[in-house]
Amino acid sequence: MDNIGINIKINGKQITRAGFDKDHYVLHVMAAFARRRCRNDAFGFHVGGLDSDAESHVNWLKTTLNVGDIVTLEIVKGPFDPSESHQPPVVSEENQLKYELELFYRLKEELKDHIE
């Protein structure tokens, strides 16, 4: 199988060779910067994908980056490093309700000019 993947280096250090030895998959690399009200800025970097045959999300890397970091992406053929299964976080009903109420009140305030 001649699947392609992505070799990741951060600041010259080898991090992972992400890819699938399968016929059907999705592979993605994403860098995201968030500047939020009343919170610290966040610069995240994620390498993951979808094993389409098993209908399972997987991760190779989840980390934060800093200003000045150099990320190198190289398109490669296998072999690939093993991935980890993506497990959704376990959230108590109480914490879920708290999150939803905070979201509700924040959106209510943001959209107050559009609500009759």
N, C-alpha and C. Protein backbone atom coordinates (compact mmCIF):
# COMPACT_ATOMS: atom_id res chain seq x y z
N MET A 1 0.85 -1.17 0.00
CA MET A 1 0.00 0.00 0.00
C MET A 1 0.90 1.24 0.00
N ASP A 2 0.63 2.18 -0.88
CA ASP A 2 1.44 3.39 -1.01
C ASP A 2 0.72 4.62 -0.46
N ASN A 3 0.19 4.53 0.76
CA ASN A 3 -0.49 5.68 1.35
C ASN A 3 0.51 6.76 1.70
N ILE A 4 0.03 7.99 1.63
CA ILE A 4 0.88 9.10 2.03
C ILE A 4 0.48 9.58 3.42
N GLY A 5 1.43 10.16 4.09
CA GLY A 5 1.20 10.71 5.42
C GLY A 5 2.00 11.99 5.57
N ILE A 6 2.14 12.44 6.82
CA ILE A 6 2.82 13.69 7.08
C ILE A 6 3.84 13.48 8.19
N ASN A 7 5.09 13.83 7.90
CA ASN A 7 6.14 13.81 8.90
C ASN A 7 6.17 15.19 9.55
N ILE A 8 6.13 15.22 10.89
CA ILE A 8 6.06 16.47 11.63
C ILE A 8 7.34 16.67 12.44
N LYS A 9 7.94 17.86 12.29
CA LYS A 9 9.05 18.27 13.15
C LYS A 9 8.68 19.62 13.74
N ILE A 10 9.05 19.82 15.01
CA ILE A 10 8.86 21.12 15.66
C ILE A 10 10.21 21.57 16.18
N ASN A 11 10.64 22.74 15.71
CA ASN A 11 11.95 23.29 16.06
C ASN A 11 13.08 22.29 15.80
N GLY A 12 12.96 21.57 14.68
CA GLY A 12 13.98 20.62 14.26
C GLY A 12 13.90 19.26 14.93
N LYS A 13 13.04 19.10 15.92
CA LYS A 13 12.91 17.83 16.64
C LYS A 13 11.84 16.95 15.98
N GLN A 14 12.20 15.71 15.69
CA GLN A 14 11.25 14.77 15.10
C GLN A 14 10.12 14.50 16.09
N ILE A 15 8.87 14.68 15.65
CA ILE A 15 7.72 14.50 16.53
C ILE A 15 6.94 13.24 16.17
N THR A 16 6.49 13.12 14.92
CA THR A 16 5.71 11.95 14.52
C THR A 16 5.63 11.84 13.01
N ARG A 17 5.39 10.61 12.56
CA ARG A 17 5.06 10.33 11.16
C ARG A 17 3.61 9.84 11.17
N ALA A 18 2.69 10.74 10.86
CA ALA A 18 1.27 10.44 10.93
C ALA A 18 0.78 9.91 9.59
N GLY A 19 0.02 8.85 9.65
CA GLY A 19 -0.55 8.28 8.44
C GLY A 19 -1.23 6.97 8.73
N PHE A 20 -1.96 6.47 7.74
CA PHE A 20 -2.73 5.24 7.88
C PHE A 20 -2.24 4.17 6.91
N ASP A 21 -2.20 2.95 7.37
CA ASP A 21 -1.96 1.80 6.50
C ASP A 21 -3.31 1.15 6.21
N LYS A 22 -4.22 1.94 5.66
CA LYS A 22 -5.59 1.50 5.36
C LYS A 22 -6.00 2.08 4.01
N ASP A 23 -7.11 1.59 3.51
CA ASP A 23 -7.60 2.08 2.23
C ASP A 23 -8.39 3.38 2.36
N HIS A 24 -9.12 3.56 3.46
CA HIS A 24 -10.04 4.70 3.58
C HIS A 24 -9.75 5.46 4.87
N TYR A 25 -9.40 6.73 4.73
CA TYR A 25 -9.02 7.52 5.89
C TYR A 25 -9.06 9.00 5.58
N VAL A 26 -9.01 9.79 6.63
CA VAL A 26 -8.84 11.24 6.55
C VAL A 26 -7.69 11.58 7.48
N LEU A 27 -6.75 12.36 7.02
CA LEU A 27 -5.60 12.78 7.81
C LEU A 27 -5.57 14.31 7.80
N HIS A 28 -5.42 14.92 8.97
CA HIS A 28 -5.39 16.38 9.00
C HIS A 28 -4.36 16.89 10.00
N VAL A 29 -3.84 18.08 9.67
CA VAL A 29 -2.93 18.81 10.53
C VAL A 29 -3.50 20.21 10.65
N MET A 30 -3.64 20.70 11.89
CA MET A 30 -4.29 21.99 12.07
C MET A 30 -3.57 22.81 13.14
N ALA A 31 -3.28 24.04 12.79
CA ALA A 31 -2.79 25.01 13.76
C ALA A 31 -3.89 26.04 13.94
N ALA A 32 -4.17 26.40 15.18
CA ALA A 32 -5.24 27.36 15.46
C ALA A 32 -4.80 28.33 16.54
N PHE A 33 -5.09 29.61 16.32
CA PHE A 33 -4.80 30.64 17.31
C PHE A 33 -6.12 31.22 17.79
N ALA A 34 -6.28 31.31 19.09
CA ALA A 34 -7.51 31.87 19.65
C ALA A 34 -7.18 33.00 20.62
N ARG A 35 -7.84 34.10 20.43
CA ARG A 35 -7.76 35.22 21.37
C ARG A 35 -9.17 35.40 21.91
N ARG A 36 -9.34 35.13 23.20
CA ARG A 36 -10.67 35.11 23.81
C ARG A 36 -10.79 36.18 24.89
N ARG A 37 -12.02 36.62 25.11
CA ARG A 37 -12.28 37.57 26.19
C ARG A 37 -11.99 36.91 27.53
N CYS A 38 -11.34 37.65 28.39
CA CYS A 38 -11.11 37.22 29.78
C CYS A 38 -10.35 35.90 29.90
N ARG A 39 -9.62 35.51 28.89
CA ARG A 39 -8.84 34.27 28.95
C ARG A 39 -7.51 34.50 28.27
N ASN A 40 -6.59 33.59 28.51
CA ASN A 40 -5.30 33.67 27.85
C ASN A 40 -5.42 33.30 26.39
N ASP A 41 -4.52 33.84 25.59
CA ASP A 41 -4.45 33.43 24.19
C ASP A 41 -4.01 31.97 24.13
N ALA A 42 -4.40 31.28 23.09
CA ALA A 42 -4.01 29.88 22.94
C ALA A 42 -3.61 29.64 21.49
N PHE A 43 -2.51 28.93 21.32
CA PHE A 43 -2.05 28.56 19.99
C PHE A 43 -1.88 27.05 20.01
N GLY A 44 -2.85 26.35 19.43
CA GLY A 44 -2.86 24.90 19.47
C GLY A 44 -2.42 24.29 18.16
N PHE A 45 -1.92 23.08 18.25
CA PHE A 45 -1.48 22.33 17.08
C PHE A 45 -1.95 20.89 17.24
N HIS A 46 -2.65 20.38 16.22
CA HIS A 46 -3.27 19.07 16.31
C HIS A 46 -3.01 18.27 15.03
N VAL A 47 -2.61 17.03 15.21
CA VAL A 47 -2.45 16.09 14.11
C VAL A 47 -3.37 14.92 14.41
N GLY A 48 -4.32 14.69 13.54
CA GLY A 48 -5.30 13.63 13.79
C GLY A 48 -5.90 13.14 12.50
N GLY A 49 -6.96 12.36 12.66
CA GLY A 49 -7.62 11.86 11.47
C GLY A 49 -8.79 10.96 11.80
N LEU A 50 -9.29 10.35 10.76
CA LEU A 50 -10.43 9.45 10.85
C LEU A 50 -10.09 8.15 10.15
N ASP A 51 -10.17 7.06 10.89
CA ASP A 51 -10.07 5.73 10.30
C ASP A 51 -11.47 5.44 9.78
N SER A 52 -11.69 5.67 8.50
CA SER A 52 -13.03 5.55 7.92
C SER A 52 -13.58 4.13 7.98
N ASP A 53 -12.70 3.13 7.89
CA ASP A 53 -13.17 1.75 7.95
C ASP A 53 -13.72 1.42 9.34
N ALA A 54 -13.05 1.89 10.38
CA ALA A 54 -13.48 1.61 11.75
C ALA A 54 -14.38 2.72 12.31
N GLU A 55 -14.59 3.79 11.52
CA GLU A 55 -15.36 4.95 11.97
C GLU A 55 -14.87 5.43 13.33
N SER A 56 -13.55 5.63 13.42
CA SER A 56 -12.91 6.00 14.68
C SER A 56 -11.97 7.17 14.46
N HIS A 57 -12.11 8.20 15.30
CA HIS A 57 -11.20 9.33 15.26
C HIS A 57 -9.93 8.97 16.02
N VAL A 58 -8.79 9.42 15.51
CA VAL A 58 -7.50 9.12 16.14
C VAL A 58 -6.65 10.39 16.21
N ASN A 59 -5.66 10.37 17.10
CA ASN A 59 -4.74 11.49 17.28
C ASN A 59 -3.30 11.00 17.26
N TRP A 60 -2.44 11.79 16.71
CA TRP A 60 -1.00 11.58 16.83
C TRP A 60 -0.40 12.62 17.76
N LEU A 61 -0.96 13.83 17.75
CA LEU A 61 -0.36 14.91 18.52
C LEU A 61 -1.39 15.98 18.83
N LYS A 62 -1.40 16.44 20.07
CA LYS A 62 -2.15 17.62 20.50
C LYS A 62 -1.22 18.38 21.42
N THR A 63 -0.86 19.60 21.01
CA THR A 63 0.09 20.38 21.81
C THR A 63 -0.18 21.86 21.59
N THR A 64 0.55 22.68 22.29
CA THR A 64 0.49 24.12 22.08
C THR A 64 1.80 24.57 21.45
N LEU A 65 1.74 25.67 20.75
CA LEU A 65 2.92 26.25 20.12
C LEU A 65 3.17 27.63 20.71
N ASN A 66 4.36 28.11 20.54
CA ASN A 66 4.74 29.44 21.02
C ASN A 66 5.22 30.28 19.85
N VAL A 67 5.18 31.59 20.02
CA VAL A 67 5.70 32.49 18.99
C VAL A 67 7.15 32.11 18.72
N GLY A 68 7.48 31.99 17.45
CA GLY A 68 8.84 31.64 17.06
C GLY A 68 9.06 30.16 16.79
N ASP A 69 8.12 29.30 17.22
CA ASP A 69 8.26 27.88 16.92
C ASP A 69 8.23 27.67 15.41
N ILE A 70 9.02 26.72 14.95
CA ILE A 70 9.06 26.37 13.53
C ILE A 70 8.52 24.97 13.37
N VAL A 71 7.42 24.86 12.63
CA VAL A 71 6.79 23.57 12.37
C VAL A 71 7.08 23.18 10.93
N THR A 72 7.62 21.98 10.75
CA THR A 72 7.95 21.48 9.43
C THR A 72 7.04 20.31 9.10
N LEU A 73 6.37 20.39 7.96
CA LEU A 73 5.51 19.31 7.47
C LEU A 73 6.12 18.77 6.19
N GLU A 74 6.29 17.46 6.14
CA GLU A 74 6.83 16.81 4.96
C GLU A 74 5.87 15.69 4.55
N ILE A 75 5.47 15.68 3.30
CA ILE A 75 4.59 14.63 2.80
C ILE A 75 5.45 13.39 2.55
N VAL A 76 5.06 12.26 3.16
CA VAL A 76 5.88 11.04 3.12
C VAL A 76 5.00 9.83 2.85
N LYS A 77 5.66 8.74 2.47
CA LYS A 77 5.02 7.43 2.40
C LYS A 77 5.40 6.69 3.68
N GLY A 78 4.65 5.62 4.02
CA GLY A 78 4.88 4.85 5.23
C GLY A 78 6.30 4.35 5.33
N PRO A 79 6.68 3.81 6.46
CA PRO A 79 5.81 3.43 7.56
C PRO A 79 5.44 4.64 8.42
N PHE A 80 4.33 4.47 9.20
CA PHE A 80 3.80 5.53 10.03
C PHE A 80 3.84 5.13 11.50
N ASP A 81 3.87 6.15 12.36
CA ASP A 81 3.78 5.90 13.80
C ASP A 81 2.35 5.52 14.16
N PRO A 82 2.18 4.71 15.19
CA PRO A 82 0.82 4.36 15.62
C PRO A 82 0.12 5.59 16.19
N SER A 83 -1.18 5.62 16.00
CA SER A 83 -1.99 6.71 16.54
C SER A 83 -2.63 6.26 17.85
N GLU A 84 -3.24 7.22 18.52
CA GLU A 84 -4.00 6.93 19.72
C GLU A 84 -5.47 7.18 19.42
N SER A 85 -6.33 6.33 19.93
CA SER A 85 -7.76 6.51 19.75
C SER A 85 -8.20 7.77 20.46
N HIS A 86 -9.05 8.52 19.81
CA HIS A 86 -9.59 9.76 20.40
C HIS A 86 -10.73 9.39 21.34
N GLN A 87 -10.56 9.73 22.60
CA GLN A 87 -11.60 9.47 23.59
C GLN A 87 -12.25 10.79 23.97
N PRO A 88 -13.57 10.90 23.76
CA PRO A 88 -14.22 12.15 24.18
C PRO A 88 -14.11 12.31 25.70
N PRO A 89 -13.98 13.54 26.16
CA PRO A 89 -13.85 13.74 27.61
C PRO A 89 -15.11 13.31 28.35
N VAL A 90 -14.92 12.77 29.53
CA VAL A 90 -16.05 12.38 30.37
C VAL A 90 -16.45 13.61 31.18
N VAL A 91 -17.71 14.02 31.03
CA VAL A 91 -18.19 15.21 31.70
C VAL A 91 -19.41 14.84 32.54
N SER A 92 -19.40 15.28 33.78
CA SER A 92 -20.54 15.00 34.65
C SER A 92 -21.75 15.80 34.18
N GLU A 93 -22.94 15.36 34.55
CA GLU A 93 -24.16 16.09 34.19
C GLU A 93 -24.12 17.49 34.76
N GLU A 94 -23.61 17.63 35.99
CA GLU A 94 -23.53 18.93 36.64
C GLU A 94 -22.62 19.88 35.87
N ASN A 95 -21.44 19.41 35.45
CA ASN A 95 -20.53 20.24 34.68
C ASN A 95 -21.07 20.56 33.30
N GLN A 96 -21.77 19.61 32.69
CA GLN A 96 -22.37 19.86 31.37
C GLN A 96 -23.44 20.94 31.48
N LEU A 97 -24.27 20.87 32.50
CA LEU A 97 -25.31 21.88 32.71
C LEU A 97 -24.68 23.25 32.97
N LYS A 98 -23.63 23.29 33.78
CA LYS A 98 -22.93 24.54 34.07
C LYS A 98 -22.39 25.15 32.78
N TYR A 99 -21.76 24.33 31.95
CA TYR A 99 -21.22 24.80 30.67
C TYR A 99 -22.34 25.35 29.78
N GLU A 100 -23.45 24.62 29.69
CA GLU A 100 -24.54 25.05 28.82
C GLU A 100 -25.19 26.34 29.31
N LEU A 101 -25.32 26.50 30.64
CA LEU A 101 -25.87 27.74 31.18
C LEU A 101 -24.94 28.92 30.93
N GLU A 102 -23.63 28.72 31.12
CA GLU A 102 -22.67 29.79 30.83
C GLU A 102 -22.75 30.20 29.36
N LEU A 103 -22.85 29.23 28.48
CA LEU A 103 -22.97 29.50 27.05
C LEU A 103 -24.27 30.26 26.76
N PHE A 104 -25.36 29.81 27.36
CA PHE A 104 -26.66 30.45 27.16
C PHE A 104 -26.61 31.93 27.54
N TYR A 105 -26.12 32.22 28.76
CA TYR A 105 -26.09 33.60 29.23
C TYR A 105 -25.12 34.47 28.43
N ARG A 106 -24.01 33.89 28.00
CA ARG A 106 -23.07 34.64 27.16
C ARG A 106 -23.71 34.98 25.82
N LEU A 107 -24.36 34.00 25.19
CA LEU A 107 -25.02 34.25 23.90
C LEU A 107 -26.20 35.21 24.05
N LYS A 108 -26.93 35.08 25.14
CA LYS A 108 -28.06 35.98 25.39
C LYS A 108 -27.57 37.42 25.45
N GLU A 109 -26.45 37.65 26.14
CA GLU A 109 -25.88 39.00 26.23
C GLU A 109 -25.37 39.47 24.87
N GLU A 110 -24.66 38.60 24.14
CA GLU A 110 -24.12 38.99 22.83
C GLU A 110 -25.22 39.29 21.82
N LEU A 111 -26.35 38.59 21.93
CA LEU A 111 -27.41 38.71 20.92
C LEU A 111 -28.59 39.56 21.39
N LYS A 112 -28.45 40.26 22.50
CA LYS A 112 -29.58 40.99 23.08
C LYS A 112 -30.19 41.99 22.12
N ASP A 113 -29.42 42.56 21.22
CA ASP A 113 -29.95 43.54 20.27
C ASP A 113 -30.75 42.88 19.15
N HIS A 114 -30.69 41.57 19.05
CA HIS A 114 -31.39 40.85 17.99
C HIS A 114 -32.58 40.05 18.51
N ILE A 115 -32.80 40.08 19.82
CA ILE A 115 -33.90 39.33 20.44
C ILE A 115 -35.04 40.28 20.73
N GLU A 116 -36.23 39.88 20.34
CA GLU A 116 -37.41 40.72 20.59
C GLU A 116 -38.08 40.33 21.88
